[in-house]
PDB file of N, CA and C in Angstrom:
ATOM      1  N   MET A   1     -17.494 -20.173  10.242  1.00  0.00           N
ATOM      2  CA  MET A   1     -16.255 -19.431  10.054  1.00  0.00           C
ATOM      3  C   MET A   1     -15.527 -19.307  11.392  1.00  0.00           C
ATOM      4  N   LYS A   2     -14.290 -19.685  11.377  1.00  0.00           N
ATOM      5  CA  LYS A   2     -13.478 -19.587  12.579  1.00  0.00           C
ATOM      6  C   LYS A   2     -13.073 -18.120  12.893  1.00  0.00           C
ATOM      7  N   PRO A   3     -12.796 -17.805  14.106  1.00  0.00           N
ATOM      8  CA  PRO A   3     -12.351 -16.436  14.424  1.00  0.00           C
ATOM      9  C   PRO A   3     -11.097 -16.012  13.718  1.00  0.00           C
ATOM     10  N   SER A   4     -10.188 -16.946  13.495  1.00  0.00           N
ATOM     11  CA  SER A   4      -8.986 -16.611  12.733  1.00  0.00           C
ATOM     12  C   SER A   4      -9.272 -16.254  11.296  1.00  0.00           C
ATOM     13  N   ASP A   5     -10.303 -16.888  10.733  1.00  0.00           N
ATOM     14  CA  ASP A   5     -10.707 -16.541   9.347  1.00  0.00           C
ATOM     15  C   ASP A   5     -11.198 -15.128   9.263  1.00  0.00           C
ATOM     16  N   ALA A   6     -11.947 -14.720  10.252  1.00  0.00           N
ATOM     17  CA  ALA A   6     -12.459 -13.323  10.290  1.00  0.00           C
ATOM     18  C   ALA A   6     -11.333 -12.334  10.393  1.00  0.00           C
ATOM     19  N   VAL A   7     -10.330 -12.665  11.227  1.00  0.00           N
ATOM     20  CA  VAL A   7      -9.181 -11.764  11.347  1.00  0.00           C
ATOM     21  C   VAL A   7      -8.400 -11.707  10.056  1.00  0.00           C
ATOM     22  N   ASN A   8      -8.169 -12.862   9.439  1.00  0.00           N
ATOM     23  CA  ASN A   8      -7.451 -12.880   8.168  1.00  0.00           C
ATOM     24  C   ASN A   8      -8.188 -12.066   7.109  1.00  0.00           C
ATOM     25  N   GLN A   9      -9.506 -12.152   7.060  1.00  0.00           N
ATOM     26  CA  GLN A   9     -10.313 -11.459   6.117  1.00  0.00           C
ATOM     27  C   GLN A   9     -10.187  -9.920   6.344  1.00  0.00           C
ATOM     28  N   LYS A  10     -10.195  -9.491   7.589  1.00  0.00           N
ATOM     29  CA  LYS A  10     -10.042  -8.065   7.898  1.00  0.00           C
ATOM     30  C   LYS A  10      -8.681  -7.550   7.502  1.00  0.00           C
ATOM     31  N   GLN A  11      -7.625  -8.369   7.784  1.00  0.00           N
ATOM     32  CA  GLN A  11      -6.261  -7.953   7.412  1.00  0.00           C
ATOM     33  C   GLN A  11      -6.074  -7.916   5.924  1.00  0.00           C
ATOM     34  N   ALA A  12      -6.657  -8.861   5.209  1.00  0.00           N
ATOM     35  CA  ALA A  12      -6.549  -8.836   3.742  1.00  0.00           C
ATOM     36  C   ALA A  12      -7.289  -7.660   3.166  1.00  0.00           C
ATOM     37  N   ARG A  13      -8.440  -7.324   3.700  1.00  0.00           N
ATOM     38  CA  ARG A  13      -9.187  -6.145   3.260  1.00  0.00           C
ATOM     39  C   ARG A  13      -8.404  -4.856   3.497  1.00  0.00           C
ATOM     40  N   LEU A  14      -7.794  -4.781   4.686  1.00  0.00           N
ATOM     41  CA  LEU A  14      -6.991  -3.604   5.036  1.00  0.00           C
ATOM     42  C   LEU A  14      -5.802  -3.450   4.077  1.00  0.00           C
ATOM     43  N   ALA A  15      -5.148  -4.544   3.791  1.00  0.00           N
ATOM     44  CA  ALA A  15      -3.999  -4.532   2.897  1.00  0.00           C
ATOM     45  C   ALA A  15      -4.430  -4.071   1.488  1.00  0.00           C
ATOM     46  N   ALA A  16      -5.586  -4.554   1.037  1.00  0.00           N
ATOM     47  CA  ALA A  16      -6.093  -4.159  -0.289  1.00  0.00           C
ATOM     48  C   ALA A  16      -6.420  -2.665  -0.298  1.00  0.00           C
ATOM     49  N   ILE A  17      -7.009  -2.158   0.769  1.00  0.00           N
ATOM     50  CA  ILE A  17      -7.325  -0.706   0.825  1.00  0.00           C
ATOM     51  C   ILE A  17      -6.015   0.092   0.801  1.00  0.00           C
ATOM     52  N   VAL A  18      -4.992  -0.349   1.552  1.00  0.00           N
ATOM     53  CA  VAL A  18      -3.736   0.366   1.587  1.00  0.00           C
ATOM     54  C   VAL A  18      -3.109   0.394   0.232  1.00  0.00           C
ATOM     55  N   ILE A  19      -3.146  -0.740  -0.531  1.00  0.00           N
ATOM     56  CA  ILE A  19      -2.585  -0.789  -1.887  1.00  0.00           C
ATOM     57  C   ILE A  19      -3.329   0.201  -2.775  1.00  0.00           C
ATOM     58  N   LEU A  20      -4.631   0.181  -2.720  1.00  0.00           N
ATOM     59  CA  LEU A  20      -5.418   1.060  -3.571  1.00  0.00           C
ATOM     60  C   LEU A  20      -5.133   2.541  -3.275  1.00  0.00           C
ATOM     61  N   VAL A  21      -5.189   2.912  -2.002  1.00  0.00           N
ATOM     62  CA  VAL A  21      -4.950   4.314  -1.634  1.00  0.00           C
ATOM     63  C   VAL A  21      -3.525   4.733  -1.978  1.00  0.00           C
ATOM     64  N   ALA A  22      -2.545   3.885  -1.664  1.00  0.00           N
ATOM     65  CA  ALA A  22      -1.184   4.238  -1.979  1.00  0.00           C
ATOM     66  C   ALA A  22      -0.968   4.461  -3.471  1.00  0.00           C
ATOM     67  N   MET A  23      -1.567   3.634  -4.289  1.00  0.00           N
ATOM     68  CA  MET A  23      -1.412   3.766  -5.756  1.00  0.00           C
ATOM     69  C   MET A  23      -2.049   5.036  -6.282  1.00  0.00           C
ATOM     70  N   VAL A  24      -3.285   5.319  -5.783  1.00  0.00           N
ATOM     71  CA  VAL A  24      -4.001   6.523  -6.271  1.00  0.00           C
ATOM     72  C   VAL A  24      -3.267   7.810  -5.789  1.00  0.00           C
ATOM     73  N   VAL A  25      -2.855   7.808  -4.539  1.00  0.00           N
ATOM     74  CA  VAL A  25      -2.133   8.977  -4.003  1.00  0.00           C
ATOM     75  C   VAL A  25      -0.822   9.180  -4.690  1.00  0.00           C
ATOM     76  N   TRP A  26      -0.096   8.074  -4.931  1.00  0.00           N
ATOM     77  CA  TRP A  26       1.201   8.158  -5.632  1.00  0.00           C
ATOM     78  C   TRP A  26       1.035   8.704  -7.001  1.00  0.00           C
ATOM     79  N   MET A  27       0.016   8.223  -7.763  1.00  0.00           N
ATOM     80  CA  MET A  27      -0.207   8.707  -9.118  1.00  0.00           C
ATOM     81  C   MET A  27      -0.588  10.177  -9.125  1.00  0.00           C
ATOM     82  N   ALA A  28      -1.405  10.586  -8.168  1.00  0.00           N
ATOM     83  CA  ALA A  28      -1.830  11.975  -8.084  1.00  0.00           C
ATOM     84  C   ALA A  28      -0.642  12.883  -7.753  1.00  0.00           C
ATOM     85  N   LEU A  29       0.207  12.427  -6.831  1.00  0.00           N
ATOM     86  CA  LEU A  29       1.376  13.262  -6.488  1.00  0.00           C
ATOM     87  C   LEU A  29       2.369  13.344  -7.644  1.00  0.00           C
ATOM     88  N   GLN A  30       2.498  12.258  -8.416  1.00  0.00           N
ATOM     89  CA  GLN A  30       3.397  12.313  -9.582  1.00  0.00           C
ATOM     90  C   GLN A  30       2.845  13.316 -10.600  1.00  0.00           C
ATOM     91  N   TRP A  31       1.575  13.316 -10.813  1.00  0.00           N
ATOM     92  CA  TRP A  31       0.950  14.235 -11.769  1.00  0.00           C
ATOM     93  C   TRP A  31       1.076  15.689 -11.302  1.00  0.00           C
ATOM     94  N   VAL A  32       0.757  15.908 -10.062  1.00  0.00           N
ATOM     95  CA  VAL A  32       0.871  17.258  -9.513  1.00  0.00           C
ATOM     96  C   VAL A  32       2.334  17.713  -9.452  1.00  0.00           C
ATOM     97  N   GLY A  33       3.245  16.868  -9.025  1.00  0.00           N
ATOM     98  CA  GLY A  33       4.630  17.196  -8.975  1.00  0.00           C
ATOM     99  C   GLY A  33       5.191  17.550 -10.359  1.00  0.00           C
ATOM    100  N   GLY A  34       4.778  16.825 -11.430  1.00  0.00           N
ATOM    101  CA  GLY A  34       5.236  17.133 -12.743  1.00  0.00           C
ATOM    102  C   GLY A  34       4.615  18.463 -13.243  1.00  0.00           C
ATOM    103  N   GLY A  35       3.410  18.748 -12.831  1.00  0.00           N
ATOM    104  CA  GLY A  35       2.762  19.954 -13.250  1.00  0.00           C
ATOM    105  C   GLY A  35       3.331  21.230 -12.660  1.00  0.00           C
ATOM    106  N   ILE A  36       3.784  21.130 -11.406  1.00  0.00           N
ATOM    107  CA  ILE A  36       4.311  22.359 -10.764  1.00  0.00           C
ATOM    108  C   ILE A  36       5.854  22.382 -10.739  1.00  0.00           C
ATOM    109  N   GLY A  37       6.450  21.343 -11.355  1.00  0.00           N
ATOM    110  CA  GLY A  37       7.900  21.329 -11.450  1.00  0.00           C
ATOM    111  C   GLY A  37       8.593  21.053 -10.119  1.00  0.00           C
ATOM    112  N   LEU A  38       8.017  20.153  -9.365  1.00  0.00           N
ATOM    113  CA  LEU A  38       8.593  19.808  -8.025  1.00  0.00           C
ATOM    114  C   LEU A  38      10.007  19.179  -8.182  1.00  0.00           C
ATOM    115  N   GLU A  39      10.833  19.444  -7.226  1.00  0.00           N
ATOM    116  CA  GLU A  39      12.203  18.910  -7.266  1.00  0.00           C
ATOM    117  C   GLU A  39      12.186  17.381  -7.170  1.00  0.00           C
ATOM    118  N   ALA A  40      13.201  16.817  -7.777  1.00  0.00           N
ATOM    119  CA  ALA A  40      13.285  15.322  -7.916  1.00  0.00           C
ATOM    120  C   ALA A  40      13.362  14.674  -6.495  1.00  0.00           C
ATOM    121  N   ARG A  41      13.981  15.312  -5.567  1.00  0.00           N
ATOM    122  CA  ARG A  41      14.129  14.728  -4.222  1.00  0.00           C
ATOM    123  C   ARG A  41      12.804  14.545  -3.523  1.00  0.00           C
ATOM    124  N   TYR A  42      11.849  15.471  -3.777  1.00  0.00           N
ATOM    125  CA  TYR A  42      10.521  15.333  -3.143  1.00  0.00           C
ATOM    126  C   TYR A  42       9.720  14.226  -3.893  1.00  0.00           C
ATOM    127  N   VAL A  43       9.872  14.141  -5.168  1.00  0.00           N
ATOM    128  CA  VAL A  43       9.174  13.083  -5.924  1.00  0.00           C
ATOM    129  C   VAL A  43       9.751  11.727  -5.506  1.00  0.00           C
ATOM    130  N   PHE A  44      11.027  11.646  -5.271  1.00  0.00           N
ATOM    131  CA  PHE A  44      11.629  10.419  -4.817  1.00  0.00           C
ATOM    132  C   PHE A  44      11.137  10.038  -3.427  1.00  0.00           C
ATOM    133  N   LEU A  45      10.867  11.051  -2.607  1.00  0.00           N
ATOM    134  CA  LEU A  45      10.288  10.765  -1.254  1.00  0.00           C
ATOM    135  C   LEU A  45       8.894  10.178  -1.388  1.00  0.00           C
ATOM    136  N   PHE A  46       8.083  10.702  -2.336  1.00  0.00           N
ATOM    137  CA  PHE A  46       6.780  10.133  -2.596  1.00  0.00           C
ATOM    138  C   PHE A  46       6.898   8.668  -3.008  1.00  0.00           C
ATOM    139  N   ASP A  47       7.849   8.390  -3.876  1.00  0.00           N
ATOM    140  CA  ASP A  47       8.093   7.055  -4.322  1.00  0.00           C
ATOM    141  C   ASP A  47       8.433   6.096  -3.149  1.00  0.00           C
ATOM    142  N   LEU A  48       9.246   6.589  -2.220  1.00  0.00           N
ATOM    143  CA  LEU A  48       9.650   5.771  -1.084  1.00  0.00           C
ATOM    144  C   LEU A  48       8.420   5.519  -0.175  1.00  0.00           C
ATOM    145  N   PHE A  49       7.566   6.502   0.014  1.00  0.00           N
ATOM    146  CA  PHE A  49       6.370   6.290   0.795  1.00  0.00           C
ATOM    147  C   PHE A  49       5.453   5.231   0.159  1.00  0.00           C
ATOM    148  N   ALA A  50       5.301   5.299  -1.131  1.00  0.00           N
ATOM    149  CA  ALA A  50       4.500   4.289  -1.842  1.00  0.00           C
ATOM    150  C   ALA A  50       5.080   2.896  -1.714  1.00  0.00           C
ATOM    151  N   LEU A  51       6.431   2.802  -1.869  1.00  0.00           N
ATOM    152  CA  LEU A  51       7.108   1.514  -1.714  1.00  0.00           C
ATOM    153  C   LEU A  51       6.969   0.941  -0.320  1.00  0.00           C
ATOM    154  N   ALA A  52       6.997   1.810   0.683  1.00  0.00           N
ATOM    155  CA  ALA A  52       6.791   1.385   2.060  1.00  0.00           C
ATOM    156  C   ALA A  52       5.396   0.790   2.254  1.00  0.00           C
ATOM    157  N   ALA A  53       4.381   1.475   1.668  1.00  0.00           N
ATOM    158  CA  ALA A  53       3.029   0.990   1.765  1.00  0.00           C
ATOM    159  C   ALA A  53       2.879  -0.357   1.073  1.00  0.00           C
ATOM    160  N   PHE A  54       3.481  -0.491  -0.078  1.00  0.00           N
ATOM    161  CA  PHE A  54       3.389  -1.762  -0.817  1.00  0.00           C
ATOM    162  C   PHE A  54       4.131  -2.878  -0.072  1.00  0.00           C
ATOM    163  N   ALA A  55       5.292  -2.576   0.511  1.00  0.00           N
ATOM    164  CA  ALA A  55       6.010  -3.547   1.256  1.00  0.00           C
ATOM    165  C   ALA A  55       5.251  -4.043   2.495  1.00  0.00           C
ATOM    166  N   TRP A  56       4.607  -3.078   3.198  1.00  0.00           N
ATOM    167  CA  TRP A  56       3.792  -3.421   4.345  1.00  0.00           C
ATOM    168  C   TRP A  56       2.613  -4.337   3.956  1.00  0.00           C
ATOM    169  N   SER A  57       1.975  -3.988   2.853  1.00  0.00           N
ATOM    170  CA  SER A  57       0.875  -4.787   2.342  1.00  0.00           C
ATOM    171  C   SER A  57       1.318  -6.174   1.974  1.00  0.00           C
ATOM    172  N   LEU A  58       2.468  -6.316   1.354  1.00  0.00           N
ATOM    173  CA  LEU A  58       3.001  -7.577   1.002  1.00  0.00           C
ATOM    174  C   LEU A  58       3.235  -8.461   2.219  1.00  0.00           C
ATOM    175  N   VAL A  59       3.811  -7.881   3.273  1.00  0.00           N
ATOM    176  CA  VAL A  59       4.056  -8.624   4.464  1.00  0.00           C
ATOM    177  C   VAL A  59       2.740  -9.093   5.120  1.00  0.00           C
ATOM    178  N   VAL A  60       1.754  -8.202   5.129  1.00  0.00           N
ATOM    179  CA  VAL A  60       0.447  -8.556   5.743  1.00  0.00           C
ATOM    180  C   VAL A  60      -0.214  -9.685   4.909  1.00  0.00           C
ATOM    181  N   LEU A  61      -0.179  -9.558   3.578  1.00  0.00           N
ATOM    182  CA  LEU A  61      -0.786 -10.561   2.748  1.00  0.00           C
ATOM    183  C   LEU A  61      -0.060 -11.892   2.824  1.00  0.00           C
ATOM    184  N   LEU A  62       1.252 -11.886   3.005  1.00  0.00           N
ATOM    185  CA  LEU A  62       1.970 -13.164   3.161  1.00  0.00           C
ATOM    186  C   LEU A  62       1.592 -13.793   4.490  1.00  0.00           C
ATOM    187  N   ARG A  63       1.406 -13.012   5.521  1.00  0.00           N
ATOM    188  CA  ARG A  63       0.965 -13.540   6.792  1.00  0.00           C
ATOM    189  C   ARG A  63      -0.423 -14.173   6.712  1.00  0.00           C
ATOM    190  N   VAL A  64      -1.309 -13.498   5.976  1.00  0.00           N
ATOM    191  CA  VAL A  64      -2.659 -14.021   5.792  1.00  0.00           C
ATOM    192  C   VAL A  64      -2.579 -15.323   5.005  1.00  0.00           C
ATOM    193  N   TRP A  65      -1.799 -15.345   3.940  1.00  0.00           N
ATOM    194  CA  TRP A  65      -1.662 -16.562   3.163  1.00  0.00           C
ATOM    195  C   TRP A  65      -1.132 -17.730   3.950  1.00  0.00           C
ATOM    196  N   ARG A  66      -0.107 -17.458   4.747  1.00  0.00           N
ATOM    197  CA  ARG A  66       0.475 -18.535   5.594  1.00  0.00           C
ATOM    198  C   ARG A  66      -0.467 -18.960   6.658  1.00  0.00           C
ATOM    199  N   GLY A  67      -1.318 -18.030   7.130  1.00  0.00           N
ATOM    200  CA  GLY A  67      -2.303 -18.432   8.175  1.00  0.00           C
ATOM    201  C   GLY A  67      -3.396 -19.280   7.660  1.00  0.00           C
ATOM    202  N   ARG A  68      -3.670 -19.199   6.381  1.00  0.00           N
ATOM    203  CA  ARG A  68      -4.751 -20.001   5.780  1.00  0.00           C
ATOM    204  C   ARG A  68      -4.270 -21.386   5.391  1.00  0.00           C
ATOM    205  N   GLN A  69      -2.963 -21.642   5.426  1.00  0.00           N
ATOM    206  CA  GLN A  69      -2.509 -23.005   5.009  1.00  0.00           C
ATOM    207  C   GLN A  69      -2.427 -23.919   6.193  1.00  0.00           C
TER     208      GLN A  69
END
């Protein structure tokens, strides 16, 4: 295994963890926010944080994919 393969594997694993954590936290905040009647602007802020995490993960995974070609 080349050193670049190990780096790509670590980056892909990190991106997967970020996706998983972002999704679970986002779902939990949606559930809690609905339960306590949180204002829509705060719920929208949670949505933006989740989208930022997904966008970051997409960029990292695209870099890994391009590095393997």
